[in-house]
C-alpha atoms as a PDB file:
ATOM      1  CA  MET A   1       4.587   9.938   1.528  1.00  0.00           C
ATOM      2  CA  CYS A   2       6.080   8.260   4.591  1.00  0.00           C
ATOM      3  CA  PRO A   3       9.222   6.256   4.337  1.00  0.00           C
ATOM      4  CA  ALA A   4       8.837   2.295   4.572  1.00  0.00           C
ATOM      5  CA  ASP A   5      11.778   2.265   7.148  1.00  0.00           C
ATOM      6  CA  TYR A   6       9.514   0.431   9.467  1.00  0.00           C
ATOM      7  CA  TYR A   7       7.215  -1.559   6.873  1.00  0.00           C
ATOM      8  CA  GLY A   8       6.868  -5.083   7.168  1.00  0.00           C
ATOM      9  CA  ILE A   9       4.011  -7.649   8.215  1.00  0.00           C
ATOM     10  CA  GLU A  10       3.404  -7.404  12.090  1.00  0.00           C
ATOM     11  CA  TYR A  11      -0.342  -8.525  12.196  1.00  0.00           C
ATOM     12  CA  GLU A  12      -2.990  -9.818   9.920  1.00  0.00           C
ATOM     13  CA  ILE A  13      -6.313  -7.953   9.340  1.00  0.00           C
ATOM     14  CA  ASN A  14      -6.846  -8.884   5.708  1.00  0.00           C
ATOM     15  CA  PRO A  15      -6.492 -11.678   3.462  1.00  0.00           C
ATOM     16  CA  TRP A  16      -3.582 -10.548   1.667  1.00  0.00           C
ATOM     17  CA  MET A  17      -1.804 -10.119   4.942  1.00  0.00           C
ATOM     18  CA  ASN A  18       0.510 -13.161   6.321  1.00  0.00           C
ATOM     19  CA  ARG A  19       3.034 -13.336   9.082  1.00  0.00           C
ATOM     20  CA  ALA A  20       4.950 -16.159   7.410  1.00  0.00           C
ATOM     21  CA  ARG A  21       5.197 -14.434   3.975  1.00  0.00           C
ATOM     22  CA  GLN A  22       7.246 -11.430   4.930  1.00  0.00           C
ATOM     23  CA  ALA A  23       7.958  -8.539   3.090  1.00  0.00           C
ATOM     24  CA  ASP A  24      11.616  -7.981   1.959  1.00  0.00           C
ATOM     25  CA  GLN A  25      12.774  -4.810   4.288  1.00  0.00           C
ATOM     26  CA  ARG A  26      15.103  -3.919   1.904  1.00  0.00           C
ATOM     27  CA  ARG A  27      13.303  -4.616  -1.044  1.00  0.00           C
ATOM     28  CA  ALA A  28      10.397  -2.173   0.288  1.00  0.00           C
ATOM     29  CA  VAL A  29      12.671   0.501   1.030  1.00  0.00           C
ATOM     30  CA  ALA A  30      14.536   0.725  -2.240  1.00  0.00           C
ATOM     31  CA  GLN A  31      11.029   0.535  -4.103  1.00  0.00           C
ATOM     32  CA  TRP A  32       9.889   3.210  -2.254  1.00  0.00           C
ATOM     33  CA  ASN A  33      12.993   5.189  -2.867  1.00  0.00           C
ATOM     34  CA  ALA A  34      12.718   4.556  -6.321  1.00  0.00           C
ATOM     35  CA  LEU A  35       8.910   5.623  -6.474  1.00  0.00           C
ATOM     36  CA  ARG A  36       9.991   9.004  -4.453  1.00  0.00           C
ATOM     37  CA  SER A  37      12.732   9.543  -7.045  1.00  0.00           C
ATOM     38  CA  LEU A  38      10.430   8.850 -10.082  1.00  0.00           C
ATOM     39  CA  LEU A  39       7.726  11.197  -9.028  1.00  0.00           C
ATOM     40  CA  GLU A  40       9.911  14.173  -8.389  1.00  0.00           C
ATOM     41  CA  SER A  41      11.778  13.470 -11.535  1.00  0.00           C
ATOM     42  CA  ALA A  42       8.181  13.994 -12.827  1.00  0.00           C
ATOM     43  CA  GLY A  43       7.990  17.410 -11.108  1.00  0.00           C
ATOM     44  CA  ALA A  44       6.109  16.290  -7.923  1.00  0.00           C
ATOM     45  CA  GLU A  45       6.607  18.188  -4.830  1.00  0.00           C
ATOM     46  CA  ILE A  46       6.924  15.591  -1.922  1.00  0.00           C
ATOM     47  CA  SER A  47       5.830  16.191   1.687  1.00  0.00           C
ATOM     48  CA  LEU A  48       7.248  13.184   4.062  1.00  0.00           C
ATOM     49  CA  GLN A  49       5.578  11.897   7.283  1.00  0.00           C
ATOM     50  CA  THR A  50       7.812  10.819   9.786  1.00  0.00           C
ATOM     51  CA  PRO A  51       7.720   6.606  10.197  1.00  0.00           C
ATOM     52  CA  VAL A  52       7.031   5.196  13.399  1.00  0.00           C
ATOM     53  CA  GLN A  53       8.260   1.959  14.620  1.00  0.00           C
ATOM     54  CA  GLY A  54       5.107  -0.194  15.655  1.00  0.00           C
ATOM     55  CA  LEU A  55       3.127   1.526  12.577  1.00  0.00           C
ATOM     56  CA  PRO A  56       4.213  -0.681   9.696  1.00  0.00           C
ATOM     57  CA  ASP A  57       1.007   0.757   7.555  1.00  0.00           C
ATOM     58  CA  LEU A  58       1.890   4.296   7.977  1.00  0.00           C
ATOM     59  CA  VAL A  59       3.594   3.852   4.828  1.00  0.00           C
ATOM     60  CA  PHE A  60       0.342   3.885   2.953  1.00  0.00           C
ATOM     61  CA  THR A  61      -0.696   7.361   3.084  1.00  0.00           C
ATOM     62  CA  ALA A  62      -3.573   7.129   1.146  1.00  0.00           C
ATOM     63  CA  ASN A  63      -5.141   5.564   4.107  1.00  0.00           C
ATOM     64  CA  ALA A  64      -4.688   8.642   6.008  1.00  0.00           C
ATOM     65  CA  GLY A  65      -7.749  10.310   5.182  1.00  0.00           C
ATOM     66  CA  VAL A  66      -9.314  12.453   2.153  1.00  0.00           C
ATOM     67  CA  ILE A  67      -8.485  15.900   1.648  1.00  0.00           C
ATOM     68  CA  TYR A  68     -10.414  18.410  -0.336  1.00  0.00           C
ATOM     69  CA  HIS A  69      -8.506  21.659  -0.905  1.00  0.00           C
ATOM     70  CA  GLN A  70      -7.216  22.460   2.940  1.00  0.00           C
ATOM     71  CA  THR A  71      -9.676  20.349   4.572  1.00  0.00           C
ATOM     72  CA  ALA A  72      -8.292  16.827   5.513  1.00  0.00           C
ATOM     73  CA  VAL A  73     -10.862  14.290   6.601  1.00  0.00           C
ATOM     74  CA  LEU A  74      -9.075  11.850   8.997  1.00  0.00           C
ATOM     75  CA  SER A  75      -9.355   8.312   8.879  1.00  0.00           C
ATOM     76  CA  ARG A  76     -11.160   6.498  11.671  1.00  0.00           C
ATOM     77  CA  PHE A  77      -9.538   2.566  11.140  1.00  0.00           C
ATOM     78  CA  ARG A  78     -11.655  -0.636  12.017  1.00  0.00           C
ATOM     79  CA  HIS A  79      -8.660  -2.692  13.082  1.00  0.00           C
ATOM     80  CA  PRO A  80      -7.044  -1.682  16.317  1.00  0.00           C
ATOM     81  CA  GLN A  81      -3.649  -2.233  15.094  1.00  0.00           C
ATOM     82  CA  ARG A  82      -4.031   0.593  12.807  1.00  0.00           C
ATOM     83  CA  GLN A  83      -5.727   2.871  15.245  1.00  0.00           C
ATOM     84  CA  ALA A  84      -2.334   4.423  16.495  1.00  0.00           C
ATOM     85  CA  GLU A  85      -1.842   5.979  12.773  1.00  0.00           C
ATOM     86  CA  GLN A  86      -4.621   8.227  13.417  1.00  0.00           C
ATOM     87  CA  ALA A  87      -3.001  10.787  15.807  1.00  0.00           C
ATOM     88  CA  CYS A  88       0.048  10.486  13.504  1.00  0.00           C
ATOM     89  CA  ASP A  89      -1.758  11.690  10.714  1.00  0.00           C
ATOM     90  CA  ALA A  90      -3.421  14.247  12.295  1.00  0.00           C
ATOM     91  CA  LEU A  91      -0.833  15.789  13.868  1.00  0.00           C
ATOM     92  CA  TRP A  92       0.827  15.706  10.041  1.00  0.00           C
ATOM     93  CA  PHE A  93      -2.109  17.220   8.629  1.00  0.00           C
ATOM     94  CA  GLY A  94      -2.418  20.094  11.103  1.00  0.00           C
ATOM     95  CA  GLU A  95       1.180  20.872  10.858  1.00  0.00           C
ATOM     96  CA  ASN A  96       1.301  20.933   7.154  1.00  0.00           C
ATOM     97  CA  GLY A  97      -1.790  23.531   7.348  1.00  0.00           C
ATOM     98  CA  PHE A  98      -5.110  21.608   6.654  1.00  0.00           C
ATOM     99  CA  ASP A  99      -8.292  22.012   8.574  1.00  0.00           C
ATOM    100  CA  VAL A 100      -8.405  18.572  10.208  1.00  0.00           C
ATOM    101  CA  GLN A 101     -11.925  17.221  10.408  1.00  0.00           C
ATOM    102  CA  GLU A 102     -12.897  13.817  11.760  1.00  0.00           C
ATOM    103  CA  ILE A 103     -16.129  12.158  10.529  1.00  0.00           C
ATOM    104  CA  PRO A 104     -19.246  12.199  12.939  1.00  0.00           C
ATOM    105  CA  GLY A 105     -20.547   9.150  14.618  1.00  0.00           C
ATOM    106  CA  GLU A 106     -18.842   5.637  15.192  1.00  0.00           C
ATOM    107  CA  SER A 107     -18.383   4.569  11.466  1.00  0.00           C
ATOM    108  CA  CYS A 108     -14.992   3.425   9.876  1.00  0.00           C
ATOM    109  CA  PHE A 109     -13.598   5.184   7.259  1.00  0.00           C
ATOM    110  CA  GLU A 110      -9.973   4.201   6.071  1.00  0.00           C
ATOM    111  CA  GLY A 111      -9.521   7.152   3.525  1.00  0.00           C
ATOM    112  CA  ALA A 112      -8.713   7.071   0.249  1.00  0.00           C
ATOM    113  CA  GLY A 113      -9.742   3.314  -0.254  1.00  0.00           C
ATOM    114  CA  ASP A 114     -13.311   3.675   1.194  1.00  0.00           C
ATOM    115  CA  ALA A 115     -13.948   7.135  -0.970  1.00  0.00           C
END
């Protein structure tokens, strides 16, 4: 999981994003903390990715890639606004013992949502 410290709507890359209708930052953080607590109380072991200012969607860790055993197939984001996340995700996967693989070619692939 990646804390929602910098979550917000800083750009519009899909129909659900609207900079005029901002997320409530305090509420987003509270909801994130409640989710983490719920998962931990159910016995989940949570690993954290460091949030990065300017990468508000890093909080959506399912978009980072797809994991199979100890292999992480890294996402290749379509929109330039999200492409800087790829380096953060690759670093996290590598530091946490995953064999990081990129998809061949130039196709876009946005993690669990596309899988």
